[in-house]
Protein backbone atom coordinates (compact mmCIF):
# COMPACT_ATOMS: atom_id res chain seq x y z
CA UNK A 1 0.08 0.23 0.22
CA UNK A 2 1.58 3.51 -0.79
CA UNK A 3 1.72 6.17 0.67
CA UNK A 4 -1.70 7.52 -0.06
CA UNK A 5 -3.65 4.86 -0.09
CA UNK A 6 -2.55 4.53 3.73
CA UNK A 7 -3.70 8.17 4.27
CA UNK A 8 -7.15 7.24 2.86
CA UNK A 9 -7.74 4.17 4.93
CA UNK A 10 -6.87 6.57 8.12
CA UNK A 11 -8.91 9.30 6.78
CA UNK A 12 -11.58 6.33 6.14
CA UNK A 13 -11.80 5.19 9.70
CA UNK A 14 -11.36 8.34 11.56
CA UNK A 15 -14.99 9.41 9.99
CA UNK A 16 -15.74 6.75 11.21
CA UNK A 17 -16.11 8.36 14.06
CA UNK A 18 -14.60 5.57 16.62
CA UNK A 19 -13.89 7.01 20.15
CA UNK A 20 -10.98 5.68 21.96
CA UNK A 21 -11.01 5.46 25.50
CA UNK A 22 -7.28 4.23 26.87
CA UNK A 23 -7.57 2.55 30.12
CA UNK A 24 -5.12 3.96 32.76
CA UNK A 25 -3.82 0.27 33.48
CA UNK A 26 -3.23 -0.83 30.10
CA UNK A 27 -0.13 -2.35 28.66
CA UNK A 28 0.65 -1.95 24.99
CA UNK A 29 3.30 -3.39 22.66
CA UNK A 30 4.32 0.08 20.64
CA UNK A 31 4.49 -0.70 16.65
CA UNK A 32 6.35 2.38 15.06
CA UNK A 33 6.57 3.59 11.97
CA UNK A 34 8.07 6.63 10.12
CA UNK A 35 6.13 9.15 7.13
CA UNK A 36 10.51 10.15 7.26
CA UNK A 37 11.22 6.25 6.23
CA UNK A 38 9.84 4.32 2.86
CA UNK A 39 11.53 1.49 4.06
CA UNK A 40 9.70 2.22 7.87
CA UNK A 41 6.11 3.23 6.33
CA UNK A 42 5.21 0.44 3.64
CA UNK A 43 5.68 -2.15 6.21
CA UNK A 44 3.68 0.10 8.53
CA UNK A 45 0.91 0.28 6.18
CA UNK A 46 1.46 -3.22 4.18
CA UNK A 47 0.36 -4.57 7.67
CA UNK A 48 -2.63 -2.19 8.15
CA UNK A 49 -3.70 -4.09 4.84
CA UNK A 50 -2.87 -7.64 5.66
CA UNK A 51 -5.04 -6.92 8.49
CA UNK A 52 -7.82 -4.33 7.81
CA UNK A 53 -10.80 -5.48 9.77
CA UNK A 54 -8.37 -5.27 12.82
CA UNK A 55 -7.36 -2.02 13.43
CA UNK A 56 -9.28 0.95 13.97
CA UNK A 57 -7.52 4.26 15.12
CA UNK A 58 -5.94 4.69 18.16
CA UNK A 59 -4.52 7.44 20.41
CA UNK A 60 -2.38 10.35 19.19
CA UNK A 61 1.18 11.43 20.71
CA UNK A 62 2.10 14.58 19.10
CA UNK A 63 -0.92 14.90 16.98
CA UNK A 64 0.91 11.68 15.04
CA UNK A 65 -2.06 9.31 14.34
CA UNK A 66 -2.43 5.96 15.86
CA UNK A 67 -4.04 2.25 14.60
CA UNK A 68 -5.11 -0.04 17.82
CA UNK A 69 -6.12 -3.13 17.49
CA UNK A 70 -6.24 -5.58 21.44
CA UNK A 71 -2.86 -4.40 23.05
CA UNK A 72 -0.79 -3.22 19.93
CA UNK A 73 -0.62 0.03 18.88
CA UNK A 74 0.40 1.23 15.29
CA UNK A 75 2.36 4.28 15.79
CA UNK A 76 3.35 6.53 12.55
CA UNK A 77 5.41 9.23 12.99
CA UNK A 78 6.63 11.79 10.63
CA UNK A 79 10.40 12.66 12.02
CA UNK A 80 13.27 10.21 12.78
CA UNK A 81 12.88 6.80 14.56
CA UNK A 82 16.75 7.57 16.18
CA UNK A 83 15.71 10.47 18.12
CA UNK A 84 12.16 9.81 18.98
CA UNK A 85 13.55 9.31 22.62
CA UNK A 86 11.86 7.54 25.71
CA UNK A 87 8.51 6.95 23.48
CA UNK A 88 7.19 4.96 26.25
CA UNK A 89 7.28 7.97 28.50
CA UNK A 90 5.69 10.37 26.42
CA UNK A 91 3.19 7.28 24.98
CA UNK A 92 2.32 6.99 28.63
CA UNK A 93 1.82 10.87 29.79
CA UNK A 94 -0.72 10.97 26.80
CA UNK A 95 -2.64 8.25 26.72
CA UNK A 96 -2.66 6.44 29.74
CA UNK A 97 -1.12 3.22 28.74
CA UNK A 98 1.92 1.79 29.93
CA UNK A 99 4.53 0.47 27.29
CA UNK A 100 5.72 -3.22 27.76
CA UNK A 101 7.57 -3.21 24.42
CA UNK A 102 8.08 -1.13 21.43
CA UNK A 103 9.20 -2.43 17.81
CA UNK A 104 10.45 0.03 15.12
CA UNK A 105 9.81 -0.20 11.38
CA UNK A 106 13.33 1.49 9.47
CA UNK A 107 15.68 1.11 6.96
CA UNK A 108 18.95 -0.01 7.04
CA UNK A 109 22.12 0.98 5.29
CA UNK A 110 25.48 -0.72 4.63
CA UNK A 111 28.71 -0.10 2.05
CA UNK A 112 28.30 -3.29 0.89
CA UNK A 113 24.70 -2.12 -0.70
CA UNK A 114 23.55 -5.62 -0.74
CA UNK A 115 19.49 -6.52 -0.22
CA UNK A 116 18.83 -7.55 3.27
CA UNK A 117 16.69 -7.99 6.01
CA UNK A 118 17.46 -7.97 9.31
CA UNK A 119 17.37 -7.70 13.34
CA UNK A 120 18.71 -6.23 16.10
CA UNK A 121 19.10 -4.03 20.08
CA UNK A 122 19.45 -0.76 20.75
CA UNK A 123 21.86 1.20 22.44
CA UNK A 124 25.58 3.06 22.18
CA UNK A 125 27.03 1.36 25.38
CA UNK A 126 30.35 1.88 24.19
CA UNK A 127 30.39 6.02 23.95
CA UNK A 128 32.30 7.90 26.68
CA UNK A 129 29.46 11.17 27.81
CA UNK A 130 31.35 13.41 25.86
CA UNK A 131 31.11 11.70 22.59
CA UNK A 132 28.65 12.82 19.74
CA UNK A 133 25.92 9.70 18.92
CA UNK A 134 26.21 9.51 15.21
CA UNK A 135 22.58 7.61 14.82
CA UNK A 136 20.86 8.92 18.34
CA UNK A 137 20.62 7.97 22.37
CA UNK A 138 22.57 8.38 25.13
CA UNK A 139 26.32 7.45 25.51
CA UNK A 140 26.58 4.89 27.63
CA UNK A 141 23.45 3.21 27.38
CA UNK A 142 21.69 0.09 26.37
CA UNK A 143 17.94 0.04 25.98
CA UNK A 144 16.78 -4.38 27.52
CA UNK A 145 17.14 -6.05 24.32
CA UNK A 146 13.27 -6.98 23.53
CA UNK A 147 12.77 -11.00 24.14
CA UNK A 148 11.58 -11.81 20.38
CA UNK A 149 14.97 -10.64 18.58
CA UNK A 150 15.92 -14.46 18.23
CA UNK A 151 12.68 -15.58 17.22
CA UNK A 152 11.77 -13.36 15.47
CA UNK A 153 15.34 -13.26 13.73
CA UNK A 154 13.96 -16.72 12.43
CA UNK A 155 11.17 -16.15 11.61
CA UNK A 156 12.28 -14.21 9.24
CA UNK A 157 14.31 -16.52 7.84
CA UNK A 158 11.22 -18.66 7.33
CA UNK A 159 8.70 -15.56 5.88
CA UNK A 160 11.35 -14.76 3.50
CA UNK A 161 11.76 -18.16 2.26
CA UNK A 162 8.22 -18.53 2.01
CA UNK A 163 7.62 -15.41 -0.26
CA UNK A 164 10.54 -15.98 -2.83
CA UNK A 165 13.16 -12.94 -1.06
CA UNK A 166 15.93 -15.62 -0.45
CA UNK A 167 18.23 -15.82 -1.49
CA UNK A 168 18.36 -12.58 -2.75
CA UNK A 169 18.36 -10.50 0.14
CA UNK A 170 20.44 -11.63 2.97
CA UNK A 171 18.50 -12.64 6.49
CA UNK A 172 20.87 -11.36 9.33
CA UNK A 173 21.46 -10.19 13.27
CA UNK A 174 23.36 -7.05 13.52
CA UNK A 175 24.95 -5.70 16.67
CA UNK A 176 23.67 -3.75 19.33
CA UNK A 177 24.08 0.14 18.12
CA UNK A 178 22.36 3.65 17.85
CA UNK A 179 18.84 5.10 19.39
CA UNK A 180 16.37 6.12 20.10
CA UNK A 181 16.33 5.83 23.85
CA UNK A 182 14.21 4.28 25.78
CA UNK A 183 13.87 2.25 28.86
CA UNK A 184 11.34 -0.52 28.32
CA UNK A 185 12.44 -3.97 26.46
CA UNK A 186 13.22 -2.73 22.32
CA UNK A 187 14.41 -4.07 19.41
CA UNK A 188 14.61 -2.95 15.16
CA UNK A 189 13.31 -4.67 12.03
CA UNK A 190 15.22 -3.17 8.84
CA UNK A 191 14.93 -3.73 5.37
CA UNK A 192 18.32 -3.12 3.21
CA UNK A 193 20.02 -1.48 2.00
CA UNK A 194 19.62 0.84 -0.26
CA UNK A 195 16.49 2.96 -2.01
CA UNK A 196 15.86 0.23 -4.61
CA UNK A 197 15.77 -2.28 -2.15
CA UNK A 198 13.72 0.12 0.34
CA UNK A 199 10.68 0.65 -1.89
CA UNK A 200 10.17 -3.03 -2.37
CA UNK A 201 7.25 -3.64 -1.53
CA UNK A 202 7.28 -8.10 -1.43
CA UNK A 203 9.95 -6.50 1.31
CA UNK A 204 7.67 -4.99 3.40
CA UNK A 205 5.03 -7.69 3.00
CA UNK A 206 7.55 -9.55 4.06
CA UNK A 207 8.20 -7.54 7.17
CA UNK A 208 4.49 -7.45 7.63
CA UNK A 209 4.22 -10.84 7.69
CA UNK A 210 6.69 -11.49 10.25
CA UNK A 211 4.75 -8.57 12.02
CA UNK A 212 1.21 -10.85 11.98
CA UNK A 213 2.74 -14.11 12.86
CA UNK A 214 5.65 -12.71 15.33
CA UNK A 215 2.54 -11.43 17.35
CA UNK A 216 -0.35 -13.57 16.99
CA UNK A 217 -2.20 -11.20 14.70
CA UNK A 218 -3.10 -13.74 12.78
CA UNK A 219 -4.37 -15.89 15.17
CA UNK A 220 -1.53 -17.53 15.79
CA UNK A 221 0.07 -17.72 19.39
CA UNK A 222 3.03 -15.49 18.40
CA UNK A 223 6.58 -16.02 19.16
CA UNK A 224 9.28 -14.42 21.20
CA UNK A 225 7.26 -13.51 24.58
CA UNK A 226 9.66 -14.29 27.80
CA UNK A 227 7.41 -16.09 30.67
CA UNK A 228 10.08 -15.78 33.94
CA UNK A 229 7.51 -18.67 34.66
CA UNK A 230 7.91 -20.94 31.69
CA UNK A 231 11.46 -19.74 30.87
CA UNK A 232 12.95 -18.99 33.99
CA UNK A 233 16.66 -21.04 34.10
CA UNK A 234 16.68 -20.23 30.05
CA UNK A 235 20.36 -19.30 28.47
CA UNK A 236 20.52 -16.41 27.38
CA UNK A 237 23.07 -15.29 24.22
CA UNK A 238 25.11 -12.68 24.57
CA UNK A 239 27.95 -11.67 22.06
CA UNK A 240 30.55 -10.55 21.95
CA UNK A 241 32.98 -9.94 19.35
CA UNK A 242 33.41 -10.41 15.53
CA UNK A 243 31.78 -7.86 13.10
CA UNK A 244 28.83 -5.46 12.33
CA UNK A 245 26.52 -8.67 11.10
CA UNK A 246 27.40 -10.94 14.20
CA UNK A 247 27.94 -14.41 11.91
CA UNK A 248 28.95 -16.03 14.52
CA UNK A 249 26.06 -15.26 17.28
CA UNK A 250 23.77 -15.45 13.92
CA UNK A 251 24.99 -19.62 13.74
CA UNK A 252 23.85 -20.30 17.29
CA UNK A 253 21.02 -18.03 17.13
CA UNK A 254 19.09 -19.86 14.11
CA UNK A 255 18.91 -22.81 16.58
CA UNK A 256 15.10 -23.33 18.05
CA UNK A 257 14.67 -21.94 21.59
CA UNK A 258 18.00 -19.88 21.80
CA UNK A 259 16.74 -16.60 23.06
CA UNK A 260 18.97 -13.22 22.21
CA UNK A 261 19.98 -10.66 24.41
CA UNK A 262 22.63 -7.29 23.25
CA UNK A 263 25.40 -8.56 20.33
CA UNK A 264 28.03 -6.01 20.86
CA UNK A 265 30.99 -6.17 17.83
CA UNK A 266 34.70 -5.37 17.97
CA UNK A 267 34.35 -2.08 17.52
CA UNK A 268 32.19 -1.50 20.56
CA UNK A 269 34.19 -2.67 22.66
CA UNK A 270 37.06 -0.05 23.23
CA UNK A 271 40.47 -1.61 24.37
CA UNK A 272 43.61 0.36 24.71
CA UNK A 273 46.55 -2.17 24.91
CA UNK A 274 48.39 -1.76 27.68
CA UNK A 275 52.45 -2.21 28.45
CA UNK A 276 53.75 -5.07 28.62
CA UNK A 277 54.48 -5.40 32.31
CA UNK A 278 49.95 -5.15 32.83
CA UNK A 279 50.02 -8.03 30.98
CA UNK A 280 52.42 -10.00 32.49
CA UNK A 281 51.23 -9.34 35.89
CA UNK A 282 47.51 -10.49 34.32
CA UNK A 283 46.16 -6.86 35.98
CA UNK A 284 43.70 -6.51 33.63
CA UNK A 285 41.75 -3.87 35.51
CA UNK A 286 44.55 -1.32 33.88
CA UNK A 287 43.74 -1.53 30.70
CA UNK A 288 41.78 1.94 29.40
CA UNK A 289 39.51 1.97 27.39
CA UNK A 290 34.80 1.88 27.80
CA UNK A 291 35.21 -2.01 27.42
CA UNK A 292 34.44 -2.72 30.60
CA UNK A 293 30.84 -0.28 31.04
CA UNK A 294 30.11 -1.66 27.93
CA UNK A 295 30.06 -5.14 28.96
CA UNK A 296 28.20 -4.29 32.02
CA UNK A 297 25.71 -1.92 30.45
CA UNK A 298 24.58 -5.07 28.30
CA UNK A 299 24.36 -7.34 30.60
CA UNK A 300 22.20 -5.41 33.42
CA UNK A 301 20.15 -4.34 30.53
CA UNK A 302 19.85 -8.39 28.98
CA UNK A 303 19.05 -9.68 33.10
CA UNK A 304 16.42 -6.87 33.34
CA UNK A 305 14.27 -8.62 29.69
CA UNK A 306 14.81 -11.73 31.09
CA UNK A 307 14.24 -12.34 34.70
CA UNK A 308 15.03 -15.87 35.82
CA UNK A 309 17.52 -16.23 32.72
CA UNK A 310 20.50 -17.13 32.82
CA UNK A 311 22.74 -14.72 30.54
CA UNK A 312 25.82 -16.75 28.80
CA UNK A 313 28.06 -14.90 27.16
CA UNK A 314 29.07 -16.16 23.53
CA UNK A 315 32.66 -14.69 22.57
CA UNK A 316 33.73 -14.54 18.58
CA UNK A 317 37.22 -16.03 20.46
CA UNK A 318 38.83 -15.88 16.64
CA UNK A 319 37.85 -11.76 16.06
CA UNK A 320 40.36 -11.29 19.71
CA UNK A 321 43.80 -10.70 20.29
CA UNK A 322 44.73 -13.60 23.06
CA UNK A 323 45.52 -10.60 25.22
CA UNK A 324 42.08 -8.93 24.42
CA UNK A 325 39.83 -12.01 25.41
CA UNK A 326 41.76 -12.65 28.37
CA UNK A 327 40.88 -9.39 29.72
CA UNK A 328 37.38 -9.67 28.56
CA UNK A 329 36.66 -13.75 30.39
CA UNK A 330 38.94 -12.04 33.38
CA UNK A 331 36.01 -9.26 33.66
CA UNK A 332 32.95 -11.69 33.03
CA UNK A 333 34.28 -13.66 35.75
CA UNK A 334 34.46 -10.94 38.40
CA UNK A 335 31.00 -10.11 37.06
CA UNK A 336 29.50 -13.33 38.06
CA UNK A 337 28.98 -13.70 34.05
CA UNK A 338 29.40 -17.37 32.18
CA UNK A 339 30.87 -17.91 29.02
CA UNK A 340 29.34 -20.45 26.88
CA UNK A 341 31.14 -22.00 23.41
CA UNK A 342 27.70 -22.91 20.46
CA UNK A 343 26.71 -26.70 21.94
CA UNK A 344 25.49 -25.19 25.35
CA UNK A 345 23.03 -23.49 23.48
CA UNK A 346 20.89 -26.22 22.20
CA UNK A 347 18.25 -26.81 19.94
CA UNK A 348 14.65 -26.97 21.97
CA UNK A 349 11.34 -27.15 20.68
């Protein structure tokens, strides 16, 4: 569905005159798109078109419209998403509804220009307070990762195959990066990597199908909701090291039953090589850089999203120098975080 069609659908719904009263105790999932990004609004419009009978006009936020179905709110903004900080606070203040999670629809850019469908957590935990974030967020911060990341990554692969987008489109996880700042579990779902692919209606439909099936809008149970009662004791993968697309962590995340938290690539683990005497004495606490703070932040954020779960780090060992690997292993031990191998994240039904 094009922009104009989406707008006409909204105007039509408004003319019906359906009143919306938000209950103060309501908990809602906020699905966020923006007209400033064709790879964001097209999937949102495709989702409305996929299930047109489900949606009705919802509350507005700063004069931006939303659609509502059950506990889901599809919000359509006008500005850049990465700068829309604390949507959860603003939504509650203006609607009375508490936000349990935020899922953003967005475009993805890459130097390779390769077509891709991606999923990733958000945050910039490696930046210092005085540094300017390149794409929103707050330096030193990481959002709680949405528990849907792992299950939706697998579902996205399945949907892409069913819609004949694979292997033309790469289906991949991305490492934790950019904003906006939020305190509730969040994730991005993106179409990449150039204007040609951002506009692809088949890609937009695939993302719409991901949301429909993943949230259970199609009548299915949906996937990716963590339950402390049911999932207590489950391992949660927290990936450290490797490149931006986290291929070695992704090789584990494709297994059924694997939960995925934050993924910090090598560039987010800033470590200054210390003098030889520091390494010889194994005094790793003296190694400068933001690596310790970044790890601590993403561990805490991941634990917040998976109460009762066991956060287990998977190291992309080959991406580290020996001294880096030793220092990270030491710090994780100090923080009481275990390190696991690929086989430790067993497939489960």
